[in-house]
């Protein structure tokens, strides 16, 4: 595993620092030649009020379309919720040319490439953390960061140079950050979590209701 140097760039579309992920993308591209099968860029406003951090591109979602949470079950739930709370111009996300735009919001992933079985290794998360670190460093004062799932949460804590033991993951938690920023946590809106009702619509919308209230007061 190559060590990723810190860079002012928050994204590199030609990144090959993780050999296992690069090889896996090549394999998937062979099976699905029309898929994106490259690192997936963050999507949305450059200096948002809300930054959403997910885990990694889904095989038949972001990895196929080239945009975070676009084309899979998790994306259906996320973008419907974003639209309901005024963070997007439409509730549907299907392709890069679908006309979707975000309002005061940006979406990124802890790992920018599709991992086998949606499970990046610790080394891959650490390598890609340099990009997340650069992205977080560019956020404006008062930004709300929403981490979807435990891996995304730990990646954010690592990128900020904070102690994991002082910031355990759990649904609906809030952690104050420097520069009047705030970290909120939620279970990931994956098919598994929603079908097992570990995460319900009411629970997910409550997170965004809190975010909306915080940003409206700013």
N, C-alpha and C. Protein backbone atom coordinates (compact mmCIF):
# COMPACT_ATOMS: atom_id res chain seq x y z
N UNK A 1 0.84 -1.19 0.00
CA UNK A 1 0.00 0.00 0.00
C UNK A 1 0.88 1.25 0.00
N UNK A 2 0.74 2.06 -1.00
CA UNK A 2 1.50 3.30 -1.07
C UNK A 2 0.91 4.31 -0.09
N UNK A 3 1.77 5.09 0.51
CA UNK A 3 1.32 6.13 1.42
C UNK A 3 0.96 7.37 0.62
N UNK A 4 -0.26 7.87 0.85
CA UNK A 4 -0.71 9.04 0.10
C UNK A 4 -0.15 10.31 0.72
N UNK A 5 0.59 11.10 -0.02
CA UNK A 5 1.09 12.35 0.54
C UNK A 5 -0.06 13.33 0.68
N UNK A 6 0.05 14.20 1.70
CA UNK A 6 -0.97 15.23 1.82
C UNK A 6 -0.91 16.14 0.61
N UNK A 7 -2.07 16.47 0.11
CA UNK A 7 -2.15 17.30 -1.08
C UNK A 7 -3.24 18.32 -0.90
N UNK A 8 -3.08 19.48 -1.54
CA UNK A 8 -4.14 20.49 -1.50
C UNK A 8 -5.30 20.08 -2.38
N UNK A 9 -5.10 19.06 -3.21
CA UNK A 9 -6.17 18.58 -4.08
C UNK A 9 -7.09 17.67 -3.29
N UNK A 10 -8.41 17.89 -3.42
CA UNK A 10 -9.36 17.06 -2.69
C UNK A 10 -9.77 15.84 -3.51
N UNK A 11 -9.29 15.77 -4.75
CA UNK A 11 -9.68 14.64 -5.59
C UNK A 11 -8.70 14.48 -6.74
N UNK A 12 -8.39 13.23 -7.06
CA UNK A 12 -7.53 12.91 -8.19
C UNK A 12 -8.21 11.83 -9.01
N UNK A 13 -8.76 12.17 -10.19
CA UNK A 13 -9.49 11.19 -10.99
C UNK A 13 -8.61 10.07 -11.52
N UNK A 14 -7.30 10.25 -11.45
CA UNK A 14 -6.37 9.24 -11.95
C UNK A 14 -5.60 8.56 -10.82
N UNK A 15 -6.13 8.63 -9.61
CA UNK A 15 -5.43 8.05 -8.46
C UNK A 15 -5.35 6.52 -8.59
N UNK A 16 -4.13 5.99 -8.35
CA UNK A 16 -3.92 4.54 -8.36
C UNK A 16 -3.10 4.12 -7.14
N UNK A 17 -3.28 4.83 -6.03
CA UNK A 17 -2.47 4.57 -4.85
C UNK A 17 -2.82 3.26 -4.14
N UNK A 18 -4.01 2.74 -4.41
CA UNK A 18 -4.42 1.47 -3.79
C UNK A 18 -4.48 0.38 -4.85
N UNK A 19 -3.45 -0.45 -4.96
CA UNK A 19 -3.39 -1.46 -6.04
C UNK A 19 -4.59 -2.39 -6.08
N UNK A 20 -5.07 -2.84 -4.91
CA UNK A 20 -6.20 -3.76 -4.89
C UNK A 20 -7.45 -3.12 -5.49
N UNK A 21 -7.68 -1.86 -5.15
CA UNK A 21 -8.86 -1.17 -5.67
C UNK A 21 -8.73 -0.90 -7.17
N UNK A 22 -7.54 -0.51 -7.60
CA UNK A 22 -7.33 -0.25 -9.03
C UNK A 22 -7.55 -1.52 -9.84
N UNK A 23 -7.02 -2.64 -9.34
CA UNK A 23 -7.20 -3.92 -10.05
C UNK A 23 -8.65 -4.35 -10.08
N UNK A 24 -9.35 -4.11 -8.98
CA UNK A 24 -10.76 -4.47 -8.91
C UNK A 24 -11.58 -3.63 -9.89
N UNK A 25 -11.27 -2.36 -9.99
CA UNK A 25 -11.97 -1.49 -10.95
C UNK A 25 -11.75 -1.97 -12.38
N UNK A 26 -10.55 -2.41 -12.68
CA UNK A 26 -10.26 -2.93 -14.02
C UNK A 26 -11.11 -4.17 -14.30
N UNK A 27 -11.27 -5.01 -13.30
CA UNK A 27 -12.07 -6.23 -13.46
C UNK A 27 -13.53 -5.89 -13.69
N UNK A 28 -14.05 -4.96 -12.88
CA UNK A 28 -15.46 -4.57 -13.02
C UNK A 28 -15.69 -3.90 -14.38
N UNK A 29 -14.70 -3.12 -14.82
CA UNK A 29 -14.83 -2.45 -16.12
C UNK A 29 -14.92 -3.47 -17.26
N UNK A 30 -14.24 -4.57 -17.11
CA UNK A 30 -14.31 -5.63 -18.13
C UNK A 30 -15.72 -6.22 -18.19
N UNK A 31 -16.32 -6.40 -17.02
CA UNK A 31 -17.67 -6.97 -16.96
C UNK A 31 -18.74 -5.95 -17.32
N UNK A 32 -18.48 -4.68 -17.01
CA UNK A 32 -19.45 -3.61 -17.27
C UNK A 32 -18.73 -2.45 -17.99
N UNK A 33 -18.46 -2.59 -19.26
CA UNK A 33 -17.65 -1.59 -19.98
C UNK A 33 -18.23 -0.18 -20.01
N UNK A 34 -19.54 -0.05 -19.80
CA UNK A 34 -20.15 1.27 -19.83
C UNK A 34 -20.15 1.95 -18.46
N UNK A 35 -19.63 1.26 -17.43
CA UNK A 35 -19.58 1.83 -16.09
C UNK A 35 -18.42 2.84 -15.97
N UNK A 36 -18.53 3.74 -15.00
CA UNK A 36 -17.51 4.74 -14.72
C UNK A 36 -16.20 4.06 -14.31
N UNK A 37 -16.24 3.24 -13.29
CA UNK A 37 -15.10 2.42 -12.84
C UNK A 37 -13.80 3.22 -12.67
N UNK A 38 -13.91 4.36 -12.01
CA UNK A 38 -12.75 5.19 -11.67
C UNK A 38 -13.04 5.82 -10.31
N UNK A 39 -12.10 6.52 -9.73
CA UNK A 39 -12.42 7.27 -8.52
C UNK A 39 -13.62 8.20 -8.78
N UNK A 40 -14.49 8.28 -7.80
CA UNK A 40 -15.71 9.09 -7.95
C UNK A 40 -15.52 10.43 -7.25
N UNK A 41 -15.69 11.49 -7.99
CA UNK A 41 -15.46 12.84 -7.48
C UNK A 41 -16.55 13.27 -6.51
N UNK A 42 -16.21 14.14 -5.55
CA UNK A 42 -17.24 14.76 -4.71
C UNK A 42 -18.21 15.53 -5.59
N UNK A 43 -19.42 15.71 -5.09
CA UNK A 43 -20.48 16.34 -5.88
C UNK A 43 -21.15 17.43 -5.06
N UNK A 44 -21.34 18.61 -5.67
CA UNK A 44 -22.09 19.68 -5.01
C UNK A 44 -21.28 20.95 -4.89
N UNK A 45 -21.70 21.79 -3.96
CA UNK A 45 -21.09 23.10 -3.76
C UNK A 45 -19.66 22.97 -3.22
N UNK A 46 -18.80 23.87 -3.66
CA UNK A 46 -17.40 23.82 -3.23
C UNK A 46 -17.27 24.22 -1.76
N UNK A 47 -18.05 25.18 -1.32
CA UNK A 47 -18.01 25.64 0.08
C UNK A 47 -19.41 25.55 0.66
N UNK A 48 -19.84 24.34 1.00
CA UNK A 48 -21.23 24.13 1.41
C UNK A 48 -21.47 24.42 2.90
N UNK A 49 -22.74 24.56 3.23
CA UNK A 49 -23.11 24.60 4.64
C UNK A 49 -23.16 23.21 5.21
N UNK A 50 -23.44 22.22 4.34
CA UNK A 50 -23.54 20.82 4.75
C UNK A 50 -22.65 19.95 3.87
N UNK A 51 -21.75 19.20 4.51
CA UNK A 51 -20.94 18.21 3.81
C UNK A 51 -21.36 16.83 4.29
N UNK A 52 -21.78 15.98 3.37
CA UNK A 52 -22.16 14.61 3.70
C UNK A 52 -21.04 13.68 3.29
N UNK A 53 -20.62 12.82 4.23
CA UNK A 53 -19.54 11.88 3.97
C UNK A 53 -20.07 10.45 4.03
N UNK A 54 -20.01 9.75 2.92
CA UNK A 54 -20.43 8.36 2.86
C UNK A 54 -19.24 7.44 2.95
N UNK A 55 -19.47 6.16 2.72
CA UNK A 55 -18.41 5.16 2.82
C UNK A 55 -17.58 5.09 1.53
N UNK A 56 -18.18 4.59 0.46
CA UNK A 56 -17.48 4.38 -0.81
C UNK A 56 -18.52 4.22 -1.91
N UNK A 57 -18.13 4.35 -3.16
CA UNK A 57 -19.07 4.16 -4.27
C UNK A 57 -19.67 2.76 -4.27
N UNK A 58 -20.96 2.65 -4.57
CA UNK A 58 -21.60 1.35 -4.73
C UNK A 58 -21.33 0.81 -6.13
N UNK A 59 -21.25 -0.50 -6.25
CA UNK A 59 -20.88 -1.11 -7.53
C UNK A 59 -21.80 -0.70 -8.66
N UNK A 60 -23.10 -0.75 -8.42
CA UNK A 60 -24.06 -0.43 -9.48
C UNK A 60 -24.70 0.94 -9.27
N UNK A 61 -24.10 1.73 -8.38
CA UNK A 61 -24.55 3.09 -8.13
C UNK A 61 -23.51 4.08 -8.60
N UNK A 62 -22.80 4.68 -7.64
CA UNK A 62 -21.80 5.70 -7.99
C UNK A 62 -20.70 5.16 -8.89
N UNK A 63 -20.30 3.91 -8.70
CA UNK A 63 -19.26 3.34 -9.55
C UNK A 63 -19.73 3.22 -10.99
N UNK A 64 -21.03 3.08 -11.18
CA UNK A 64 -21.58 2.99 -12.54
C UNK A 64 -21.80 4.37 -13.14
N UNK A 65 -22.32 5.28 -12.34
CA UNK A 65 -22.73 6.59 -12.88
C UNK A 65 -21.66 7.65 -12.78
N UNK A 66 -20.73 7.51 -11.82
CA UNK A 66 -19.69 8.50 -11.64
C UNK A 66 -20.07 9.64 -10.72
N UNK A 67 -21.16 9.49 -9.97
CA UNK A 67 -21.57 10.54 -9.02
C UNK A 67 -22.01 9.88 -7.71
N UNK A 68 -21.59 10.42 -6.57
CA UNK A 68 -21.93 9.79 -5.29
C UNK A 68 -23.42 9.54 -5.10
N UNK A 69 -23.75 8.34 -4.62
CA UNK A 69 -25.11 7.97 -4.26
C UNK A 69 -26.10 8.07 -5.43
N UNK A 70 -25.62 7.91 -6.63
CA UNK A 70 -26.50 8.04 -7.80
C UNK A 70 -26.69 6.70 -8.47
N UNK A 71 -27.94 6.22 -8.47
CA UNK A 71 -28.26 4.99 -9.17
C UNK A 71 -28.46 3.77 -8.30
N UNK A 72 -28.45 3.94 -6.96
CA UNK A 72 -28.67 2.77 -6.10
C UNK A 72 -29.67 3.10 -5.00
N UNK A 73 -29.97 2.10 -4.18
CA UNK A 73 -30.99 2.22 -3.14
C UNK A 73 -30.68 3.33 -2.15
N UNK A 74 -29.43 3.38 -1.68
CA UNK A 74 -29.05 4.41 -0.72
C UNK A 74 -29.25 5.80 -1.29
N UNK A 75 -28.97 5.95 -2.58
CA UNK A 75 -29.14 7.24 -3.23
C UNK A 75 -30.59 7.68 -3.32
N UNK A 76 -31.47 6.72 -3.55
CA UNK A 76 -32.90 7.05 -3.61
C UNK A 76 -33.34 7.71 -2.31
N UNK A 77 -32.97 7.10 -1.20
CA UNK A 77 -33.35 7.63 0.11
C UNK A 77 -32.67 8.96 0.39
N UNK A 78 -31.36 9.03 0.11
CA UNK A 78 -30.62 10.25 0.42
C UNK A 78 -31.14 11.44 -0.38
N UNK A 79 -31.28 11.28 -1.69
CA UNK A 79 -31.67 12.43 -2.51
C UNK A 79 -33.13 12.83 -2.30
N UNK A 80 -34.00 11.89 -1.99
CA UNK A 80 -35.38 12.25 -1.63
C UNK A 80 -35.39 13.10 -0.36
N UNK A 81 -34.53 12.74 0.58
CA UNK A 81 -34.46 13.48 1.84
C UNK A 81 -33.83 14.86 1.63
N UNK A 82 -32.79 14.92 0.83
CA UNK A 82 -32.17 16.21 0.53
C UNK A 82 -33.17 17.16 -0.12
N UNK A 83 -33.95 16.63 -1.03
CA UNK A 83 -34.96 17.46 -1.70
C UNK A 83 -36.03 17.94 -0.71
N UNK A 84 -36.47 17.07 0.15
CA UNK A 84 -37.51 17.41 1.12
C UNK A 84 -37.07 18.53 2.04
N UNK A 85 -35.77 18.58 2.35
CA UNK A 85 -35.27 19.58 3.28
C UNK A 85 -34.54 20.74 2.59
N UNK A 86 -34.74 20.87 1.29
CA UNK A 86 -34.27 22.04 0.56
C UNK A 86 -32.81 22.04 0.17
N UNK A 87 -32.19 20.86 0.09
CA UNK A 87 -30.78 20.80 -0.28
C UNK A 87 -30.55 20.39 -1.74
N UNK A 88 -31.61 20.17 -2.50
CA UNK A 88 -31.46 19.84 -3.91
C UNK A 88 -32.65 20.35 -4.70
N UNK A 89 -32.50 20.39 -6.01
CA UNK A 89 -33.56 20.92 -6.87
C UNK A 89 -34.54 19.85 -7.32
N UNK A 90 -34.25 18.57 -7.03
CA UNK A 90 -35.14 17.49 -7.44
C UNK A 90 -34.86 16.26 -6.57
N UNK A 91 -35.83 15.36 -6.44
CA UNK A 91 -35.66 14.21 -5.54
C UNK A 91 -34.99 13.00 -6.18
N UNK A 92 -34.79 13.03 -7.49
CA UNK A 92 -34.27 11.87 -8.20
C UNK A 92 -32.83 12.07 -8.65
N UNK A 93 -32.04 11.00 -8.53
CA UNK A 93 -30.66 11.01 -9.02
C UNK A 93 -30.43 9.73 -9.79
N UNK A 94 -30.28 9.85 -11.10
CA UNK A 94 -30.16 8.66 -11.94
C UNK A 94 -28.91 8.63 -12.80
N UNK A 95 -28.41 9.82 -13.20
CA UNK A 95 -27.27 9.88 -14.10
C UNK A 95 -26.65 11.27 -14.04
N UNK A 96 -25.45 11.41 -14.58
CA UNK A 96 -24.77 12.70 -14.53
C UNK A 96 -25.53 13.80 -15.25
N UNK A 97 -26.33 13.43 -16.24
CA UNK A 97 -27.04 14.43 -17.04
C UNK A 97 -28.51 14.54 -16.66
N UNK A 98 -28.86 14.19 -15.42
CA UNK A 98 -30.27 14.21 -15.02
C UNK A 98 -30.75 15.57 -14.53
N UNK A 99 -29.87 16.58 -14.52
CA UNK A 99 -30.27 17.92 -14.14
C UNK A 99 -30.22 18.20 -12.65
N UNK A 100 -29.76 17.25 -11.86
CA UNK A 100 -29.72 17.42 -10.41
C UNK A 100 -28.63 18.40 -10.00
N UNK A 101 -28.97 19.32 -9.12
CA UNK A 101 -28.00 20.21 -8.49
C UNK A 101 -28.26 20.25 -6.99
N UNK A 102 -27.22 20.47 -6.24
CA UNK A 102 -27.35 20.56 -4.79
C UNK A 102 -27.33 22.01 -4.34
N UNK A 103 -28.01 22.29 -3.25
CA UNK A 103 -28.11 23.63 -2.70
C UNK A 103 -27.44 23.66 -1.33
N UNK A 104 -26.34 24.41 -1.24
CA UNK A 104 -25.61 24.57 0.02
C UNK A 104 -25.18 23.21 0.59
N UNK A 105 -24.90 22.27 -0.29
CA UNK A 105 -24.60 20.90 0.13
C UNK A 105 -23.54 20.29 -0.78
N UNK A 106 -22.77 19.38 -0.23
CA UNK A 106 -21.75 18.66 -0.99
C UNK A 106 -21.72 17.22 -0.46
N UNK A 107 -21.49 16.27 -1.36
CA UNK A 107 -21.43 14.86 -0.97
C UNK A 107 -20.09 14.28 -1.39
N UNK A 108 -19.45 13.57 -0.49
CA UNK A 108 -18.18 12.94 -0.78
C UNK A 108 -18.16 11.56 -0.12
N UNK A 109 -17.07 10.83 -0.31
CA UNK A 109 -16.93 9.52 0.31
C UNK A 109 -15.59 9.40 1.02
N UNK A 110 -15.57 8.57 2.06
CA UNK A 110 -14.32 8.32 2.78
C UNK A 110 -13.32 7.63 1.87
N UNK A 111 -13.81 6.75 1.01
CA UNK A 111 -12.99 6.05 0.02
C UNK A 111 -13.58 6.34 -1.35
N UNK A 112 -12.78 6.83 -2.26
CA UNK A 112 -13.30 7.33 -3.53
C UNK A 112 -13.48 6.25 -4.60
N UNK A 113 -12.95 5.04 -4.35
CA UNK A 113 -13.06 3.95 -5.33
C UNK A 113 -13.90 2.80 -4.77
N UNK A 114 -14.54 2.09 -5.65
CA UNK A 114 -15.32 0.91 -5.29
C UNK A 114 -14.42 -0.17 -4.69
N UNK A 115 -14.70 -0.62 -3.46
CA UNK A 115 -13.94 -1.73 -2.89
C UNK A 115 -14.67 -3.06 -3.08
N UNK A 116 -13.95 -4.16 -3.16
CA UNK A 116 -14.61 -5.46 -3.25
C UNK A 116 -15.55 -5.68 -2.06
N UNK A 117 -16.76 -6.15 -2.35
CA UNK A 117 -17.78 -6.42 -1.33
C UNK A 117 -18.09 -5.18 -0.48
N UNK A 118 -17.81 -4.02 -1.04
CA UNK A 118 -18.05 -2.74 -0.35
C UNK A 118 -17.31 -2.66 0.98
N UNK A 119 -16.14 -3.31 1.06
CA UNK A 119 -15.37 -3.34 2.30
C UNK A 119 -13.93 -2.92 2.04
N UNK A 120 -13.61 -1.65 2.18
CA UNK A 120 -12.22 -1.21 2.03
C UNK A 120 -11.40 -1.69 3.22
N UNK A 121 -10.12 -1.91 2.99
CA UNK A 121 -9.23 -2.28 4.07
C UNK A 121 -8.86 -1.04 4.88
N UNK A 122 -8.31 -1.28 6.07
CA UNK A 122 -7.86 -0.15 6.88
C UNK A 122 -6.81 0.67 6.18
N UNK A 123 -5.93 0.00 5.46
CA UNK A 123 -4.88 0.72 4.72
C UNK A 123 -5.45 1.58 3.61
N UNK A 124 -6.47 1.09 2.93
CA UNK A 124 -7.10 1.86 1.85
C UNK A 124 -7.83 3.07 2.39
N UNK A 125 -8.48 2.91 3.52
CA UNK A 125 -9.16 4.04 4.15
C UNK A 125 -8.14 5.09 4.56
N UNK A 126 -7.02 4.63 5.10
CA UNK A 126 -5.97 5.55 5.54
C UNK A 126 -5.35 6.28 4.35
N UNK A 127 -5.12 5.56 3.27
CA UNK A 127 -4.52 6.18 2.08
C UNK A 127 -5.44 7.26 1.51
N UNK A 128 -6.71 6.95 1.40
CA UNK A 128 -7.67 7.90 0.82
C UNK A 128 -7.99 9.04 1.78
N UNK A 129 -7.63 8.89 3.04
CA UNK A 129 -7.95 9.91 4.03
C UNK A 129 -7.26 11.23 3.74
N UNK A 130 -6.15 11.20 2.99
CA UNK A 130 -5.47 12.44 2.64
C UNK A 130 -6.38 13.35 1.82
N UNK A 131 -7.18 12.76 0.93
CA UNK A 131 -8.12 13.57 0.13
C UNK A 131 -9.22 14.15 1.01
N UNK A 132 -9.74 13.35 1.93
CA UNK A 132 -10.78 13.84 2.84
C UNK A 132 -10.22 14.92 3.75
N UNK A 133 -8.99 14.75 4.18
CA UNK A 133 -8.35 15.75 5.02
C UNK A 133 -8.27 17.10 4.30
N UNK A 134 -7.88 17.06 3.05
CA UNK A 134 -7.79 18.30 2.28
C UNK A 134 -9.17 18.92 2.08
N UNK A 135 -10.17 18.08 1.86
CA UNK A 135 -11.52 18.58 1.65
C UNK A 135 -12.07 19.24 2.92
N UNK A 136 -11.85 18.60 4.05
CA UNK A 136 -12.33 19.16 5.32
C UNK A 136 -11.60 20.46 5.66
N UNK A 137 -10.33 20.53 5.32
CA UNK A 137 -9.55 21.73 5.61
C UNK A 137 -10.08 22.95 4.86
N UNK A 138 -10.75 22.72 3.73
CA UNK A 138 -11.26 23.82 2.93
C UNK A 138 -12.66 24.26 3.28
N UNK A 139 -13.27 23.63 4.27
CA UNK A 139 -14.63 23.99 4.65
C UNK A 139 -14.68 25.35 5.35
N UNK A 140 -15.77 26.04 5.18
CA UNK A 140 -15.92 27.34 5.80
C UNK A 140 -16.34 27.22 7.26
N UNK A 141 -16.22 28.30 7.97
CA UNK A 141 -16.63 28.35 9.37
C UNK A 141 -18.12 28.02 9.49
N UNK A 142 -18.47 27.21 10.47
CA UNK A 142 -19.86 26.90 10.72
C UNK A 142 -20.43 25.76 9.90
N UNK A 143 -19.60 25.08 9.11
CA UNK A 143 -20.10 23.97 8.29
C UNK A 143 -20.57 22.80 9.16
N UNK A 144 -21.66 22.18 8.75
CA UNK A 144 -22.14 20.96 9.38
C UNK A 144 -21.64 19.78 8.55
N UNK A 145 -21.04 18.80 9.21
CA UNK A 145 -20.56 17.59 8.56
C UNK A 145 -21.43 16.42 9.02
N UNK A 146 -22.00 15.70 8.07
CA UNK A 146 -22.81 14.53 8.40
C UNK A 146 -22.08 13.27 7.95
N UNK A 147 -21.75 12.41 8.89
CA UNK A 147 -21.09 11.14 8.58
C UNK A 147 -22.13 10.04 8.52
N UNK A 148 -22.19 9.34 7.39
CA UNK A 148 -23.14 8.25 7.21
C UNK A 148 -22.43 6.92 7.48
N UNK A 149 -22.63 6.38 8.66
CA UNK A 149 -22.02 5.10 9.00
C UNK A 149 -20.72 5.23 9.79
N UNK A 150 -20.35 4.13 10.45
CA UNK A 150 -19.19 4.14 11.32
C UNK A 150 -17.86 4.37 10.62
N UNK A 151 -17.69 3.80 9.44
CA UNK A 151 -16.42 3.98 8.73
C UNK A 151 -16.23 5.42 8.29
N UNK A 152 -17.29 6.02 7.76
CA UNK A 152 -17.21 7.43 7.37
C UNK A 152 -16.93 8.30 8.59
N UNK A 153 -17.59 7.99 9.69
CA UNK A 153 -17.39 8.76 10.92
C UNK A 153 -15.93 8.69 11.38
N UNK A 154 -15.38 7.48 11.42
CA UNK A 154 -13.98 7.32 11.84
C UNK A 154 -13.02 8.00 10.88
N UNK A 155 -13.37 7.99 9.59
CA UNK A 155 -12.52 8.66 8.60
C UNK A 155 -12.50 10.17 8.83
N UNK A 156 -13.65 10.73 9.16
CA UNK A 156 -13.72 12.16 9.44
C UNK A 156 -12.90 12.51 10.68
N UNK A 157 -13.06 11.72 11.73
CA UNK A 157 -12.31 11.96 12.96
C UNK A 157 -10.81 11.88 12.70
N UNK A 158 -10.40 10.90 11.91
CA UNK A 158 -8.98 10.76 11.57
C UNK A 158 -8.49 11.94 10.76
N UNK A 159 -9.28 12.36 9.77
CA UNK A 159 -8.89 13.47 8.89
C UNK A 159 -8.76 14.78 9.67
N UNK A 160 -9.54 14.91 10.73
CA UNK A 160 -9.50 16.12 11.55
C UNK A 160 -8.42 16.06 12.62
N UNK A 161 -7.75 14.91 12.74
CA UNK A 161 -6.69 14.77 13.73
C UNK A 161 -7.20 14.66 15.15
N UNK A 162 -8.43 14.17 15.31
CA UNK A 162 -9.03 14.03 16.64
C UNK A 162 -8.89 12.60 17.14
N UNK A 163 -9.18 12.38 18.40
CA UNK A 163 -9.05 11.06 19.00
C UNK A 163 -10.35 10.28 18.84
N UNK A 164 -10.23 9.06 18.30
CA UNK A 164 -11.41 8.22 18.10
C UNK A 164 -12.11 7.93 19.43
N UNK A 165 -11.36 7.70 20.48
CA UNK A 165 -11.94 7.34 21.76
C UNK A 165 -12.83 8.44 22.32
N UNK A 166 -12.55 9.67 21.94
CA UNK A 166 -13.36 10.80 22.42
C UNK A 166 -14.56 11.07 21.54
N UNK A 167 -14.66 10.36 20.40
CA UNK A 167 -15.74 10.61 19.44
C UNK A 167 -16.31 9.28 18.94
N UNK A 168 -16.91 8.48 19.82
CA UNK A 168 -17.48 7.20 19.37
C UNK A 168 -18.65 7.40 18.42
N UNK A 169 -18.85 6.43 17.54
CA UNK A 169 -19.95 6.51 16.58
C UNK A 169 -21.26 6.02 17.20
N UNK A 170 -22.33 6.66 16.81
CA UNK A 170 -23.67 6.25 17.21
C UNK A 170 -24.67 7.10 16.45
N UNK A 171 -25.82 6.57 16.19
CA UNK A 171 -26.81 7.33 15.42
C UNK A 171 -27.31 8.54 16.20
N UNK A 172 -27.32 9.69 15.52
CA UNK A 172 -27.90 10.89 16.10
C UNK A 172 -27.00 11.65 17.06
N UNK A 173 -25.71 11.36 17.06
CA UNK A 173 -24.80 12.07 17.96
C UNK A 173 -24.31 13.36 17.32
N UNK A 174 -23.90 14.30 18.17
CA UNK A 174 -23.37 15.58 17.70
C UNK A 174 -22.06 15.89 18.42
N UNK A 175 -21.06 16.30 17.64
CA UNK A 175 -19.77 16.66 18.21
C UNK A 175 -19.36 18.05 17.72
N UNK A 176 -19.12 18.99 18.64
CA UNK A 176 -18.61 20.30 18.23
C UNK A 176 -17.19 20.19 17.72
N UNK A 177 -16.88 20.95 16.69
CA UNK A 177 -15.56 20.94 16.08
C UNK A 177 -14.99 22.35 16.10
N UNK A 178 -13.69 22.49 15.83
CA UNK A 178 -13.10 23.84 15.72
C UNK A 178 -13.79 24.66 14.63
N UNK A 179 -13.65 25.96 14.72
CA UNK A 179 -14.20 26.91 13.75
C UNK A 179 -15.74 26.84 13.68
N UNK A 180 -16.33 26.55 14.84
CA UNK A 180 -17.79 26.53 14.98
C UNK A 180 -18.45 25.52 14.05
N UNK A 181 -17.70 24.52 13.62
CA UNK A 181 -18.26 23.44 12.81
C UNK A 181 -18.86 22.38 13.73
N UNK A 182 -19.68 21.52 13.14
CA UNK A 182 -20.38 20.51 13.92
C UNK A 182 -20.43 19.21 13.15
N UNK A 183 -20.13 18.10 13.82
CA UNK A 183 -20.21 16.77 13.22
C UNK A 183 -21.45 16.06 13.74
N UNK A 184 -22.30 15.62 12.82
CA UNK A 184 -23.46 14.80 13.16
C UNK A 184 -23.26 13.40 12.59
N UNK A 185 -23.86 12.41 13.26
CA UNK A 185 -23.69 11.03 12.82
C UNK A 185 -25.04 10.38 12.54
N UNK A 186 -25.04 9.48 11.57
CA UNK A 186 -26.25 8.72 11.23
C UNK A 186 -25.86 7.34 10.75
N UNK A 187 -26.73 6.37 11.01
CA UNK A 187 -26.55 5.10 10.34
C UNK A 187 -26.61 5.35 8.83
N UNK A 188 -25.87 4.55 8.08
CA UNK A 188 -25.86 4.69 6.63
C UNK A 188 -27.23 4.30 6.07
N UNK A 189 -27.65 5.02 5.03
CA UNK A 189 -28.97 4.76 4.42
C UNK A 189 -28.87 3.63 3.39
N UNK A 190 -28.22 2.56 3.76
CA UNK A 190 -28.06 1.41 2.88
C UNK A 190 -29.34 0.58 2.82
N UNK A 191 -29.41 -0.27 1.81
CA UNK A 191 -30.58 -1.15 1.70
C UNK A 191 -30.73 -2.02 2.95
N UNK A 192 -29.60 -2.56 3.42
CA UNK A 192 -29.66 -3.43 4.60
C UNK A 192 -30.22 -2.69 5.81
N UNK A 193 -29.68 -1.51 6.08
CA UNK A 193 -30.11 -0.76 7.26
C UNK A 193 -31.57 -0.35 7.19
N UNK A 194 -32.03 0.02 6.00
CA UNK A 194 -33.42 0.47 5.89
C UNK A 194 -34.40 -0.70 5.87
N UNK A 195 -34.01 -1.80 5.24
CA UNK A 195 -34.92 -2.95 5.19
C UNK A 195 -35.04 -3.63 6.55
N UNK A 196 -33.97 -3.61 7.33
CA UNK A 196 -34.03 -4.19 8.67
C UNK A 196 -34.57 -3.18 9.69
N UNK A 197 -34.82 -1.96 9.22
CA UNK A 197 -35.34 -0.87 10.04
C UNK A 197 -34.39 -0.46 11.16
N UNK A 198 -33.12 -0.76 10.95
CA UNK A 198 -32.13 -0.16 11.83
C UNK A 198 -32.15 1.36 11.64
N UNK A 199 -32.41 1.76 10.40
CA UNK A 199 -32.59 3.16 10.08
C UNK A 199 -33.95 3.33 9.43
N UNK A 200 -34.84 4.09 10.04
CA UNK A 200 -36.15 4.35 9.48
C UNK A 200 -36.19 5.73 8.84
N UNK A 201 -37.22 5.96 8.05
CA UNK A 201 -37.39 7.27 7.43
C UNK A 201 -37.49 8.36 8.49
N UNK A 202 -38.22 8.09 9.55
CA UNK A 202 -38.37 9.06 10.63
C UNK A 202 -37.01 9.39 11.26
N UNK A 203 -36.20 8.37 11.50
CA UNK A 203 -34.88 8.59 12.10
C UNK A 203 -33.99 9.42 11.19
N UNK A 204 -34.00 9.10 9.90
CA UNK A 204 -33.14 9.80 8.95
C UNK A 204 -33.59 11.24 8.77
N UNK A 205 -34.87 11.44 8.67
CA UNK A 205 -35.39 12.80 8.49
C UNK A 205 -35.15 13.66 9.73
N UNK A 206 -35.13 13.04 10.90
CA UNK A 206 -34.85 13.82 12.11
C UNK A 206 -33.45 14.40 12.08
N UNK A 207 -32.52 13.63 11.52
CA UNK A 207 -31.15 14.15 11.38
C UNK A 207 -31.15 15.40 10.51
N UNK A 208 -31.85 15.33 9.39
CA UNK A 208 -31.87 16.48 8.47
C UNK A 208 -32.71 17.63 9.00
N UNK A 209 -33.68 17.33 9.83
CA UNK A 209 -34.44 18.39 10.47
C UNK A 209 -33.54 19.18 11.42
N UNK A 210 -32.68 18.46 12.12
CA UNK A 210 -31.71 19.11 13.00
C UNK A 210 -30.72 19.95 12.20
N UNK A 211 -30.22 19.39 11.11
CA UNK A 211 -29.27 20.13 10.26
C UNK A 211 -29.92 21.39 9.70
N UNK A 212 -31.13 21.27 9.23
CA UNK A 212 -31.84 22.43 8.67
C UNK A 212 -32.00 23.52 9.70
N UNK A 213 -32.33 23.14 10.92
CA UNK A 213 -32.52 24.10 12.00
C UNK A 213 -31.20 24.81 12.32
N UNK A 214 -30.11 24.04 12.35
CA UNK A 214 -28.80 24.63 12.66
C UNK A 214 -28.39 25.63 11.59
N UNK A 215 -28.52 25.24 10.34
CA UNK A 215 -28.10 26.12 9.24
C UNK A 215 -29.00 27.34 9.10
N UNK A 216 -30.27 27.18 9.37
CA UNK A 216 -31.19 28.32 9.26
C UNK A 216 -30.92 29.36 10.34
N UNK A 217 -30.34 28.92 11.44
CA UNK A 217 -30.03 29.88 12.52
C UNK A 217 -28.71 30.59 12.29
N UNK A 218 -27.90 30.04 11.42
CA UNK A 218 -26.55 30.61 11.19
C UNK A 218 -26.62 31.97 10.51
